[in-house]
N, C-alpha and C. Protein backbone atom coordinates (compact mmCIF):
# COMPACT_ATOMS: atom_id res chain seq x y z
N MET A 1 14.87 -6.29 1.26
CA MET A 1 14.99 -5.31 0.11
C MET A 1 15.30 -4.08 0.81
N SER A 2 15.93 -3.03 -0.29
CA SER A 2 15.82 -1.76 0.24
C SER A 2 14.86 -0.80 -0.98
N PHE A 3 15.32 -0.13 -0.53
CA PHE A 3 14.24 1.40 -1.34
C PHE A 3 14.41 1.41 -2.05
N ARG A 4 15.06 0.81 -3.13
CA ARG A 4 15.34 1.25 -4.62
C ARG A 4 14.64 1.91 -5.72
N ARG A 5 13.06 1.53 -5.44
CA ARG A 5 12.32 2.26 -6.09
C ARG A 5 11.99 4.18 -6.32
N THR A 6 13.10 4.24 -4.71
CA THR A 6 12.63 5.41 -4.52
C THR A 6 14.09 5.63 -5.08
N THR A 7 14.21 6.10 -6.57
CA THR A 7 15.16 6.48 -7.47
C THR A 7 15.44 8.39 -7.16
N THR A 8 16.28 8.75 -7.46
CA THR A 8 16.77 10.13 -7.51
C THR A 8 15.43 10.71 -8.23
N THR A 9 15.18 10.28 -9.31
CA THR A 9 14.20 10.86 -10.10
C THR A 9 13.04 10.73 -9.87
N ARG A 10 12.72 9.62 -9.51
CA ARG A 10 10.82 9.48 -8.76
C ARG A 10 10.74 10.47 -7.86
N ARG A 11 11.98 10.21 -6.60
CA ARG A 11 11.71 11.35 -5.74
C ARG A 11 11.60 12.64 -6.18
N PHE A 12 12.02 13.18 -6.93
CA PHE A 12 12.28 14.59 -7.62
C PHE A 12 10.72 14.74 -8.06
N ALA A 13 10.19 13.81 -8.79
CA ALA A 13 8.69 13.90 -9.56
C ALA A 13 8.07 14.17 -8.17
N LEU A 14 7.97 13.02 -7.00
CA LEU A 14 7.17 13.15 -6.12
C LEU A 14 6.95 14.33 -5.23
N ALA A 15 8.42 14.49 -4.84
CA ALA A 15 8.40 15.65 -4.24
C ALA A 15 7.65 16.92 -4.54
N ALA A 16 7.89 17.23 -6.12
CA ALA A 16 7.27 18.31 -6.64
C ALA A 16 5.70 18.22 -6.75
N ALA A 17 5.04 16.48 -6.80
CA ALA A 17 3.78 16.63 -6.60
C ALA A 17 3.23 16.36 -4.95
N ALA A 18 3.80 16.57 -3.69
CA ALA A 18 3.37 16.30 -2.65
C ALA A 18 2.70 17.22 -2.22
N ALA A 19 2.83 18.46 -2.34
CA ALA A 19 1.66 19.52 -2.14
C ALA A 19 0.44 19.41 -2.25
N ALA A 20 0.28 18.45 -3.63
CA ALA A 20 -1.29 18.11 -4.56
C ALA A 20 -1.95 17.06 -3.78
N LEU A 21 -0.86 16.25 -2.64
CA LEU A 21 -1.42 15.10 -1.61
C LEU A 21 -1.70 15.36 -0.54
N THR A 22 -1.57 16.56 0.09
CA THR A 22 -1.49 17.50 1.34
C THR A 22 -3.01 17.91 1.41
N LEU A 23 -4.08 17.65 2.46
CA LEU A 23 -5.04 17.98 1.96
C LEU A 23 -5.50 18.67 3.63
N GLY A 24 -6.30 19.47 3.86
CA GLY A 24 -6.75 19.98 5.13
C GLY A 24 -7.99 19.38 5.14
N LEU A 25 -8.22 18.82 6.77
CA LEU A 25 -9.30 18.36 7.51
C LEU A 25 -10.42 18.50 6.84
N SER A 26 -10.60 19.91 6.61
CA SER A 26 -12.13 19.72 6.34
C SER A 26 -12.25 19.76 4.94
N GLY A 27 -13.55 18.95 5.04
CA GLY A 27 -14.16 18.75 3.70
C GLY A 27 -14.17 16.85 3.71
N CYS A 28 -12.95 16.24 4.65
CA CYS A 28 -12.44 15.37 4.55
C CYS A 28 -13.72 14.48 5.62
N GLY A 29 -13.57 13.13 5.55
CA GLY A 29 -14.00 12.48 6.33
C GLY A 29 -13.49 11.88 7.40
N ASP A 30 -13.89 11.59 8.76
CA ASP A 30 -13.07 11.63 9.78
C ASP A 30 -12.51 10.27 9.88
N ASP A 31 -12.80 9.65 9.06
CA ASP A 31 -12.31 7.84 9.15
C ASP A 31 -10.73 7.67 9.28
N GLY A 32 -10.41 8.57 8.63
CA GLY A 32 -8.61 8.24 8.51
C GLY A 32 -8.60 7.38 7.48
N GLY A 33 -9.06 8.09 6.05
CA GLY A 33 -8.48 7.57 4.99
C GLY A 33 -9.62 6.88 4.17
N ALA A 34 -10.56 6.10 4.70
CA ALA A 34 -11.80 5.79 3.54
C ALA A 34 -12.27 6.49 2.33
N GLU A 35 -12.16 7.97 3.20
CA GLU A 35 -13.23 8.57 2.06
C GLU A 35 -12.39 8.82 0.92
N PRO A 36 -12.74 8.56 0.33
CA PRO A 36 -12.11 9.03 -1.71
C PRO A 36 -11.75 10.37 -1.66
N ARG A 37 -10.91 10.66 -2.35
CA ARG A 37 -10.24 12.27 -2.99
C ARG A 37 -11.41 12.66 -3.79
N SER A 38 -11.70 13.96 -3.18
CA SER A 38 -12.53 14.79 -4.30
C SER A 38 -12.29 14.73 -5.62
N GLU A 39 -11.02 15.03 -6.02
CA GLU A 39 -10.09 15.10 -7.51
C GLU A 39 -10.32 13.79 -8.06
N ARG A 40 -10.60 12.62 -7.41
CA ARG A 40 -10.72 11.42 -8.12
C ARG A 40 -11.66 11.12 -9.29
N SER A 41 -11.22 10.49 -10.43
CA SER A 41 -11.93 10.52 -11.62
C SER A 41 -12.78 9.73 -11.57
N SER A 42 -14.14 10.15 -12.27
CA SER A 42 -15.18 9.05 -11.97
C SER A 42 -14.82 7.59 -13.14
N GLU A 43 -14.24 7.92 -14.14
CA GLU A 43 -14.07 7.17 -15.65
C GLU A 43 -13.62 6.02 -14.74
N PRO A 44 -14.39 4.83 -15.61
CA PRO A 44 -13.55 3.35 -14.98
C PRO A 44 -12.36 3.00 -15.36
N SER A 45 -11.58 2.27 -14.65
CA SER A 45 -10.20 1.89 -15.36
C SER A 45 -10.05 1.15 -16.62
N ALA A 46 -9.00 1.56 -17.32
CA ALA A 46 -8.97 0.94 -18.57
C ALA A 46 -8.57 -1.18 -18.13
N SER A 47 -7.82 -1.03 -17.12
CA SER A 47 -7.44 -2.57 -16.70
C SER A 47 -6.66 -1.93 -15.47
N ALA A 48 -7.36 -2.80 -14.25
CA ALA A 48 -7.98 -3.00 -12.92
C ALA A 48 -6.77 -4.22 -12.47
N SER A 49 -6.44 -4.85 -13.76
CA SER A 49 -5.96 -6.66 -13.18
C SER A 49 -4.63 -6.31 -12.42
N SER A 50 -4.02 -7.53 -11.96
CA SER A 50 -2.57 -7.33 -11.67
C SER A 50 -1.72 -7.64 -12.51
N THR A 51 -0.59 -7.63 -12.62
CA THR A 51 0.22 -8.02 -13.41
C THR A 51 1.05 -9.60 -13.15
N PRO A 52 1.00 -10.65 -13.62
CA PRO A 52 1.45 -12.02 -13.44
C PRO A 52 2.96 -11.92 -13.20
N ALA A 53 3.27 -13.04 -11.79
CA ALA A 53 4.90 -12.78 -11.67
C ALA A 53 5.54 -13.36 -13.18
N GLU A 54 6.34 -13.13 -13.39
CA GLU A 54 6.80 -13.27 -15.08
C GLU A 54 7.40 -15.26 -14.97
N ASP A 55 7.74 -16.08 -14.47
CA ASP A 55 7.64 -17.34 -14.63
C ASP A 55 7.00 -18.16 -13.85
N LYS A 56 6.30 -17.40 -12.56
CA LYS A 56 5.16 -18.63 -11.66
C LYS A 56 4.06 -18.29 -11.58
N GLY A 57 3.66 -17.78 -12.56
CA GLY A 57 2.16 -17.64 -12.68
C GLY A 57 1.22 -17.29 -11.48
N GLU A 58 2.34 -15.90 -11.10
CA GLU A 58 1.45 -15.37 -9.27
C GLU A 58 1.54 -14.20 -9.15
N GLN A 59 0.96 -13.31 -8.39
CA GLN A 59 1.20 -12.16 -7.98
C GLN A 59 2.54 -11.65 -7.89
N GLN A 60 3.13 -10.52 -8.07
CA GLN A 60 4.28 -10.76 -7.82
C GLN A 60 4.18 -9.00 -6.94
N VAL A 61 4.64 -9.41 -5.21
CA VAL A 61 4.38 -8.58 -4.35
C VAL A 61 5.72 -7.73 -4.19
N ASP A 62 5.45 -6.84 -4.32
CA ASP A 62 6.67 -5.45 -3.84
C ASP A 62 6.48 -5.11 -2.78
N THR A 63 7.07 -5.94 -2.02
CA THR A 63 7.35 -5.25 0.15
C THR A 63 8.17 -4.13 -0.01
N ALA A 64 9.48 -3.91 -0.72
CA ALA A 64 10.14 -3.24 -0.22
C ALA A 64 10.81 -2.89 0.88
N ALA A 65 10.43 -3.61 1.69
CA ALA A 65 10.92 -3.66 3.13
C ALA A 65 12.42 -3.28 3.11
N ALA A 66 12.39 -2.61 3.89
CA ALA A 66 14.15 -1.86 4.29
C ALA A 66 14.63 -2.70 4.96
N GLU A 67 16.19 -2.90 4.89
CA GLU A 67 16.92 -4.03 5.48
C GLU A 67 17.52 -3.83 6.90
N ASN A 68 16.94 -2.61 7.32
CA ASN A 68 17.33 -2.00 8.86
C ASN A 68 15.66 -2.34 9.79
N VAL A 69 14.68 -2.70 9.42
CA VAL A 69 13.75 -2.82 10.02
C VAL A 69 13.68 -3.95 11.04
N ASP A 70 13.55 -3.60 12.36
CA ASP A 70 13.51 -4.54 13.40
C ASP A 70 12.39 -5.11 13.33
N PRO A 71 11.81 -6.25 13.05
CA PRO A 71 11.02 -6.75 12.78
C PRO A 71 10.30 -7.31 14.28
N ASN A 72 11.07 -7.41 15.40
CA ASN A 72 10.28 -7.55 16.40
C ASN A 72 9.74 -6.18 17.33
N ALA A 73 10.50 -5.02 16.83
CA ALA A 73 9.46 -3.74 16.96
C ALA A 73 8.38 -3.24 16.96
N ARG A 74 7.08 -3.22 18.18
CA ARG A 74 5.55 -3.14 17.76
C ARG A 74 5.61 -1.50 18.26
N LEU A 75 5.63 -0.63 17.31
CA LEU A 75 5.54 0.66 17.89
C LEU A 75 3.71 0.89 17.86
N ALA A 76 2.54 0.10 16.89
CA ALA A 76 1.32 0.09 17.33
C ALA A 76 0.99 -1.17 16.68
N GLU A 77 -0.07 -1.21 16.62
CA GLU A 77 -0.87 -2.59 16.61
C GLU A 77 -2.26 -1.55 16.14
N ALA A 78 -2.67 -2.78 15.04
CA ALA A 78 -4.18 -2.20 14.49
C ALA A 78 -4.82 -3.40 13.98
N ARG A 79 -6.45 -3.73 14.55
CA ARG A 79 -7.31 -5.00 14.24
C ARG A 79 -8.07 -4.42 12.87
N GLY A 80 -7.96 -5.28 12.26
CA GLY A 80 -8.63 -5.15 11.13
C GLY A 80 -10.13 -6.43 10.93
N LEU A 81 -10.79 -6.45 9.99
CA LEU A 81 -11.72 -7.05 9.82
C LEU A 81 -11.14 -8.80 9.84
N ASP A 82 -11.96 -9.72 10.08
CA ASP A 82 -12.16 -11.38 9.90
C ASP A 82 -10.29 -11.48 10.58
N GLY A 83 -10.02 -11.06 11.65
CA GLY A 83 -8.96 -11.49 12.04
C GLY A 83 -7.64 -11.02 11.83
N LEU A 84 -7.83 -10.01 10.86
CA LEU A 84 -6.23 -9.81 10.37
C LEU A 84 -5.33 -8.68 11.24
N THR A 85 -4.47 -8.52 11.62
CA THR A 85 -4.08 -7.36 12.40
C THR A 85 -2.64 -6.99 11.74
N LEU A 86 -2.62 -5.72 12.02
CA LEU A 86 -1.34 -4.56 11.09
C LEU A 86 -0.49 -4.63 12.37
N VAL A 87 0.70 -4.76 12.45
CA VAL A 87 1.56 -4.69 13.62
C VAL A 87 2.62 -3.74 13.32
N ILE A 88 2.72 -2.22 13.65
CA ILE A 88 3.84 -1.38 12.67
C ILE A 88 5.21 -1.86 13.34
N ASN A 89 6.42 -1.83 12.74
CA ASN A 89 7.40 -1.89 12.98
C ASN A 89 8.01 -0.47 13.02
N GLN A 90 7.76 0.14 11.99
CA GLN A 90 9.09 1.54 11.99
C GLN A 90 7.85 2.85 11.17
N VAL A 91 8.29 4.21 11.89
CA VAL A 91 7.70 5.28 11.67
C VAL A 91 8.83 6.50 11.21
N LYS A 92 9.04 6.16 9.96
CA LYS A 92 10.84 7.34 9.52
C LYS A 92 10.31 8.07 8.94
N ARG A 93 10.65 9.32 9.43
CA ARG A 93 11.02 10.87 8.24
C ARG A 93 12.64 10.71 8.14
N ASP A 94 12.56 11.05 7.21
CA ASP A 94 13.81 10.88 5.92
C ASP A 94 14.11 12.37 5.42
N SER A 95 15.49 12.82 5.29
CA SER A 95 15.54 13.72 4.55
C SER A 95 15.11 14.54 3.31
N GLY A 96 14.80 13.59 2.67
CA GLY A 96 14.19 13.73 1.30
C GLY A 96 12.26 14.31 1.28
N GLY A 97 12.12 14.54 2.31
CA GLY A 97 10.84 15.27 2.99
C GLY A 97 9.75 14.14 2.65
N PHE A 98 9.79 12.65 3.32
CA PHE A 98 9.22 11.34 3.40
C PHE A 98 9.32 11.15 4.84
N VAL A 99 7.80 10.30 4.88
CA VAL A 99 7.83 9.68 5.90
C VAL A 99 7.36 8.29 5.62
N THR A 100 8.29 7.53 5.72
CA THR A 100 7.88 5.92 5.67
C THR A 100 7.30 5.08 7.00
N VAL A 101 6.37 4.52 6.34
CA VAL A 101 5.78 3.63 7.63
C VAL A 101 6.08 2.07 6.99
N GLN A 102 6.36 1.04 7.64
CA GLN A 102 6.63 0.12 7.79
C GLN A 102 6.05 -1.02 8.75
N GLY A 103 5.35 -2.23 8.43
CA GLY A 103 4.89 -3.12 9.44
C GLY A 103 4.50 -4.47 8.84
N VAL A 104 4.13 -5.22 9.07
CA VAL A 104 3.52 -6.34 8.74
C VAL A 104 2.09 -6.70 8.88
N ILE A 105 1.09 -7.41 8.13
CA ILE A 105 0.08 -7.43 8.17
C ILE A 105 -0.36 -8.95 8.48
N LYS A 106 -0.96 -9.63 9.42
CA LYS A 106 -0.95 -10.81 9.85
C LYS A 106 -2.31 -11.66 9.99
N ASN A 107 -2.97 -12.74 9.02
CA ASN A 107 -4.39 -13.00 9.17
C ASN A 107 -4.25 -14.20 9.96
N GLU A 108 -5.07 -13.85 11.42
CA GLU A 108 -5.22 -14.63 12.36
C GLU A 108 -6.39 -15.44 12.72
N GLY A 109 -6.80 -15.40 11.09
CA GLY A 109 -8.41 -16.27 10.97
C GLY A 109 -8.29 -17.17 10.76
N THR A 110 -9.31 -17.92 10.39
CA THR A 110 -9.69 -18.95 9.81
C THR A 110 -9.72 -18.99 8.16
N GLN A 111 -10.14 -18.32 7.46
CA GLN A 111 -10.05 -17.87 6.46
C GLN A 111 -9.25 -16.94 5.34
N SER A 112 -8.73 -17.49 3.74
CA SER A 112 -7.89 -17.08 3.31
C SER A 112 -9.21 -15.26 3.25
N ALA A 113 -7.62 -13.71 3.58
CA ALA A 113 -8.32 -12.61 3.73
C ALA A 113 -8.32 -12.17 1.83
N ASN A 114 -8.97 -11.78 1.54
CA ASN A 114 -9.22 -10.72 0.79
C ASN A 114 -8.05 -8.98 0.87
N THR A 115 -7.35 -8.85 -0.09
CA THR A 115 -6.75 -7.49 0.25
C THR A 115 -7.08 -6.54 -0.72
N THR A 116 -7.98 -6.72 -1.43
CA THR A 116 -8.10 -5.56 -2.37
C THR A 116 -8.76 -4.33 -1.80
N ALA A 117 -9.37 -4.17 -0.67
CA ALA A 117 -9.79 -3.02 -0.18
C ALA A 117 -9.00 -2.18 0.35
N TRP A 118 -7.47 -2.56 0.78
CA TRP A 118 -6.64 -1.99 1.35
C TRP A 118 -5.96 -0.89 0.51
N ALA A 119 -6.30 -1.02 -1.03
CA ALA A 119 -6.02 -0.02 -2.10
C ALA A 119 -6.90 1.04 -2.08
N GLY A 120 -8.16 1.67 -1.23
CA GLY A 120 -8.91 2.39 -1.00
C GLY A 120 -9.94 2.89 -2.02
N SER A 121 -10.28 3.45 -2.48
CA SER A 121 -11.38 3.40 -3.38
C SER A 121 -10.98 4.79 -4.52
N GLU A 122 -10.59 5.58 -4.41
CA GLU A 122 -9.82 6.60 -5.54
C GLU A 122 -9.60 5.60 -6.34
N THR A 123 -10.21 5.97 -8.29
CA THR A 123 -10.66 5.20 -9.43
C THR A 123 -8.62 5.09 -9.71
N ALA A 124 -8.44 6.39 -10.13
CA ALA A 124 -6.31 6.41 -10.23
C ALA A 124 -5.85 5.35 -9.57
N LEU A 125 -5.65 5.40 -8.30
CA LEU A 125 -5.11 4.71 -7.35
C LEU A 125 -5.10 2.71 -7.68
N LEU A 126 -6.16 2.94 -7.72
CA LEU A 126 -7.00 1.34 -7.76
C LEU A 126 -6.51 0.59 -9.23
N ALA A 127 -6.44 1.41 -9.96
CA ALA A 127 -6.13 1.26 -11.27
C ALA A 127 -4.81 0.69 -11.48
N ALA A 128 -3.55 1.97 -10.86
CA ALA A 128 -2.45 1.53 -10.63
C ALA A 128 -1.76 0.83 -9.90
N ASN A 129 -2.11 0.54 -8.86
CA ASN A 129 -1.97 -0.24 -7.54
C ASN A 129 -2.83 -1.62 -7.28
N PRO A 130 -3.26 -2.35 -8.09
CA PRO A 130 -4.40 -3.21 -7.58
C PRO A 130 -3.70 -4.12 -6.50
N ASN A 131 -4.32 -4.54 -5.70
CA ASN A 131 -4.19 -5.45 -4.67
C ASN A 131 -2.93 -4.88 -3.90
N SER A 132 -2.98 -3.55 -3.52
CA SER A 132 -1.75 -2.27 -2.53
C SER A 132 -2.41 -2.18 -1.06
N VAL A 133 -1.22 -1.54 -0.61
CA VAL A 133 -1.66 -0.70 0.91
C VAL A 133 -1.95 0.99 0.16
N ALA A 134 -1.86 1.25 -0.87
CA ALA A 134 -2.14 2.67 -1.54
C ALA A 134 -3.47 3.56 -0.96
N GLY A 135 -4.59 2.72 0.22
CA GLY A 135 -5.26 3.63 0.28
C GLY A 135 -5.39 4.44 2.01
N ALA A 136 -3.90 4.00 2.40
CA ALA A 136 -3.41 4.46 3.86
C ALA A 136 -3.32 5.89 3.68
N THR A 137 -4.11 6.24 4.62
CA THR A 137 -3.29 7.73 5.28
C THR A 137 -2.88 8.19 6.64
N LEU A 138 -2.54 9.46 6.86
CA LEU A 138 -1.83 10.02 8.02
C LEU A 138 -2.45 11.26 8.30
N VAL A 139 -2.85 11.41 9.81
CA VAL A 139 -3.50 12.59 9.80
C VAL A 139 -3.01 13.18 11.10
N ASP A 140 -2.64 14.64 10.81
CA ASP A 140 -1.68 15.50 11.52
C ASP A 140 -3.23 15.95 12.11
N LYS A 141 -3.39 15.77 13.26
CA LYS A 141 -4.78 16.55 13.95
C LYS A 141 -4.33 17.92 14.77
N ALA A 142 -3.33 18.13 14.72
CA ALA A 142 -2.54 19.29 15.44
C ALA A 142 -3.09 20.38 14.33
N GLY A 143 -2.41 19.93 12.90
CA GLY A 143 -2.15 20.97 11.99
C GLY A 143 -3.06 20.57 11.14
N LYS A 144 -4.10 19.50 10.95
CA LYS A 144 -5.10 19.73 10.76
C LYS A 144 -5.35 19.33 9.45
N LYS A 145 -4.45 18.56 8.76
CA LYS A 145 -4.09 18.21 7.31
C LYS A 145 -4.06 16.59 7.59
N ARG A 146 -4.49 15.99 6.16
CA ARG A 146 -4.56 14.93 6.12
C ARG A 146 -3.38 14.27 4.93
N TYR A 147 -2.41 13.35 4.86
CA TYR A 147 -1.71 13.14 3.95
C TYR A 147 -2.04 11.56 3.36
N TYR A 148 -2.06 11.71 2.23
CA TYR A 148 -2.05 10.84 1.19
C TYR A 148 -0.71 10.21 0.86
N ILE A 149 -0.85 8.30 0.26
CA ILE A 149 0.19 7.67 -0.59
C ILE A 149 0.68 8.82 -1.34
N LEU A 150 2.27 8.59 -1.62
CA LEU A 150 2.89 9.63 -2.31
C LEU A 150 2.63 8.62 -3.97
N ARG A 151 2.83 9.13 -5.20
CA ARG A 151 2.55 8.51 -5.74
C ARG A 151 2.92 9.59 -7.27
N ASP A 152 3.34 9.07 -8.30
CA ASP A 152 3.66 9.68 -9.57
C ASP A 152 2.88 10.13 -10.17
N THR A 153 3.41 10.93 -11.50
CA THR A 153 2.48 11.12 -12.32
C THR A 153 1.71 10.36 -13.08
N GLU A 154 1.98 8.86 -13.12
CA GLU A 154 1.08 7.41 -13.59
C GLU A 154 0.66 6.64 -12.19
N SER A 155 0.33 7.70 -11.46
CA SER A 155 -0.41 7.18 -10.00
C SER A 155 0.22 5.90 -9.64
N ARG A 156 1.42 5.44 -10.31
CA ARG A 156 1.43 4.26 -9.24
C ARG A 156 2.52 4.94 -8.02
N CYS A 157 2.09 3.91 -6.96
CA CYS A 157 2.65 4.70 -5.49
C CYS A 157 3.63 4.31 -4.88
N LEU A 158 4.06 4.84 -4.35
CA LEU A 158 5.37 4.35 -3.09
C LEU A 158 4.71 3.70 -2.52
N CYS A 159 4.48 2.35 -2.44
CA CYS A 159 3.67 1.79 -1.44
C CYS A 159 3.95 0.09 -1.57
N THR A 160 3.76 -0.87 -0.96
CA THR A 160 3.08 -2.66 -1.42
C THR A 160 2.65 -2.62 -2.16
N THR A 161 2.48 -3.37 -3.35
CA THR A 161 1.28 -3.53 -4.62
C THR A 161 1.43 -5.17 -4.69
N GLY A 162 0.31 -5.38 -5.35
CA GLY A 162 0.57 -6.83 -6.07
C GLY A 162 0.79 -7.82 -4.33
N ILE A 163 -0.73 -7.46 -3.57
CA ILE A 163 -0.37 -8.63 -2.61
C ILE A 163 -1.50 -9.51 -2.86
N PRO A 164 -1.20 -11.03 -2.66
CA PRO A 164 -2.05 -12.03 -2.76
C PRO A 164 -3.18 -11.99 -1.88
N PRO A 165 -4.38 -12.63 -2.32
CA PRO A 165 -4.95 -12.96 -0.70
C PRO A 165 -3.98 -13.48 0.09
N LEU A 166 -4.56 -13.13 1.48
CA LEU A 166 -3.54 -13.58 2.66
C LEU A 166 -4.47 -14.91 3.08
N MET A 167 -3.62 -15.84 3.27
CA MET A 167 -3.92 -17.04 3.65
C MET A 167 -3.78 -17.19 5.11
N ALA A 168 -4.87 -17.52 5.74
CA ALA A 168 -5.21 -18.39 7.14
C ALA A 168 -3.41 -18.57 8.00
N GLY A 169 -3.48 -17.84 8.90
CA GLY A 169 -1.90 -17.63 9.34
C GLY A 169 -0.82 -17.49 9.03
N LYS A 170 -0.82 -16.78 7.77
CA LYS A 170 0.37 -16.30 6.80
C LYS A 170 0.06 -14.52 7.41
N THR A 171 1.42 -13.93 6.61
CA THR A 171 1.94 -12.86 7.54
C THR A 171 2.29 -12.06 5.60
N THR A 172 2.67 -10.85 5.59
CA THR A 172 2.88 -10.03 4.34
C THR A 172 3.36 -8.77 5.28
N SER A 173 4.81 -8.51 4.70
CA SER A 173 5.35 -7.38 4.91
C SER A 173 4.51 -5.81 3.96
N VAL A 174 4.63 -4.68 4.66
CA VAL A 174 4.47 -4.05 3.92
C VAL A 174 4.73 -2.21 4.29
N PHE A 175 4.75 -1.54 3.56
CA PHE A 175 5.33 -0.24 3.43
C PHE A 175 4.59 0.66 2.95
N MET A 176 4.55 2.08 3.19
CA MET A 176 4.21 2.84 2.77
C MET A 176 4.86 4.30 2.86
N GLN A 177 4.77 5.10 1.78
CA GLN A 177 5.59 6.70 2.10
C GLN A 177 4.91 7.84 1.82
N PHE A 178 4.97 8.54 2.37
CA PHE A 178 3.91 9.62 2.32
C PHE A 178 4.70 11.18 2.56
N PRO A 179 3.91 11.78 2.17
CA PRO A 179 5.06 13.85 2.54
C PRO A 179 4.84 13.74 3.66
N SER A 180 6.06 14.42 4.48
CA SER A 180 6.29 14.67 5.65
C SER A 180 5.37 15.72 6.03
N PRO A 181 4.84 15.34 7.30
CA PRO A 181 4.70 16.43 8.36
C PRO A 181 5.29 17.61 8.80
N PRO A 182 5.13 18.86 9.10
CA PRO A 182 6.33 19.43 9.47
C PRO A 182 7.26 19.08 10.62
N ALA A 183 8.33 19.51 11.06
CA ALA A 183 9.21 18.69 11.76
C ALA A 183 8.53 18.81 13.09
N ASP A 184 7.90 19.73 13.99
CA ASP A 184 7.62 19.75 14.81
C ASP A 184 6.03 18.98 15.14
N THR A 185 5.58 18.04 14.36
CA THR A 185 4.63 17.10 13.89
C THR A 185 5.17 16.17 14.34
N THR A 186 5.37 15.28 15.63
CA THR A 186 5.71 14.39 16.02
C THR A 186 4.91 13.04 16.29
N GLU A 187 3.71 12.97 16.19
CA GLU A 187 2.37 12.06 16.10
C GLU A 187 1.31 12.15 15.08
N VAL A 188 1.20 11.29 15.13
CA VAL A 188 -0.08 10.68 13.65
C VAL A 188 -0.68 9.93 13.62
N ASP A 189 -2.24 10.03 13.60
CA ASP A 189 -3.01 8.87 13.29
C ASP A 189 -2.68 8.72 11.72
N PHE A 190 -2.83 6.84 11.83
CA PHE A 190 -2.73 6.21 10.59
C PHE A 190 -3.98 5.40 10.69
N THR A 191 -4.20 5.20 9.05
CA THR A 191 -5.54 4.60 9.02
C THR A 191 -5.30 3.80 7.17
N LEU A 192 -5.46 2.36 7.57
CA LEU A 192 -5.63 1.64 6.65
C LEU A 192 -6.95 1.24 6.43
N PRO A 193 -7.62 1.05 4.99
CA PRO A 193 -8.85 0.46 5.11
C PRO A 193 -9.21 -0.86 5.37
N THR A 194 -10.34 -1.04 6.14
CA THR A 194 -10.57 -2.15 7.10
C THR A 194 -10.20 -2.85 8.07
N PHE A 195 -8.99 -1.61 8.59
CA PHE A 195 -8.17 -1.73 9.75
C PHE A 195 -8.74 -0.38 10.61
N ALA A 196 -8.47 -0.44 11.88
CA ALA A 196 -8.73 0.43 13.37
C ALA A 196 -7.93 1.57 13.01
N THR A 197 -8.56 2.70 13.20
CA THR A 197 -6.60 3.71 13.73
C THR A 197 -6.05 3.71 14.38
N THR A 198 -4.88 3.96 14.05
CA THR A 198 -4.25 3.70 15.38
C THR A 198 -3.08 5.07 15.75
N SER A 199 -2.33 5.14 16.60
CA SER A 199 -1.66 6.56 16.51
C SER A 199 -0.07 6.56 16.46
N LEU A 200 0.27 7.23 15.49
CA LEU A 200 1.99 6.64 15.59
C LEU A 200 2.83 7.97 15.76
N LYS A 201 3.90 7.63 16.55
CA LYS A 201 5.07 8.41 16.92
C LYS A 201 6.26 8.66 15.30
N ILE A 202 6.34 9.65 15.25
CA ILE A 202 7.21 9.73 13.81
C ILE A 202 9.07 9.66 14.52
N SER A 203 10.04 8.93 14.19
CA SER A 203 11.55 9.02 14.76
C SER A 203 12.01 9.40 13.52
N GLY A 204 12.87 10.66 13.83
CA GLY A 204 13.88 10.45 12.75
C GLY A 204 13.68 12.27 12.32
């Protein structure tokens, strides 16, 4: 699939909100992204359940994987809990002011893995993006800034959503888009909740 979700209209709205998603590291936890943002709502979500697929009775996974990603590329690897492994295949800066991270999560354990923790702990994101990778962050250590997943005005993220429990031996492709760090920043730390932090080099 191509990034057809990233329409011109959404890109304009997201670009306008990008500054609000870029925070200085002061006051942030140093765990690379497990810490919720201070401005999150404390009100419970009206609906945090995922939407079933239209005809199959299953969750609809939105991988939105780009067509030109090399599945054999292994730019970085991060170990998670219970035998999970995240392999990063591409980290690319584009002209619209975004950085897209793409990879594959594999369950190398013997039990089914719950994916709910990957969405992080921010209330608005959890409500709008259940079973997603919305909790991922990038940290520019040199610039002392942390970058959160891009989202629209309704808190829908530009990332993979609707990921069902990952069965043993199975994989799922994931993508995440962030505001772009300055052009002279070519390396960032990447964290997805429940996975170790890993260093990524940005291309483009």
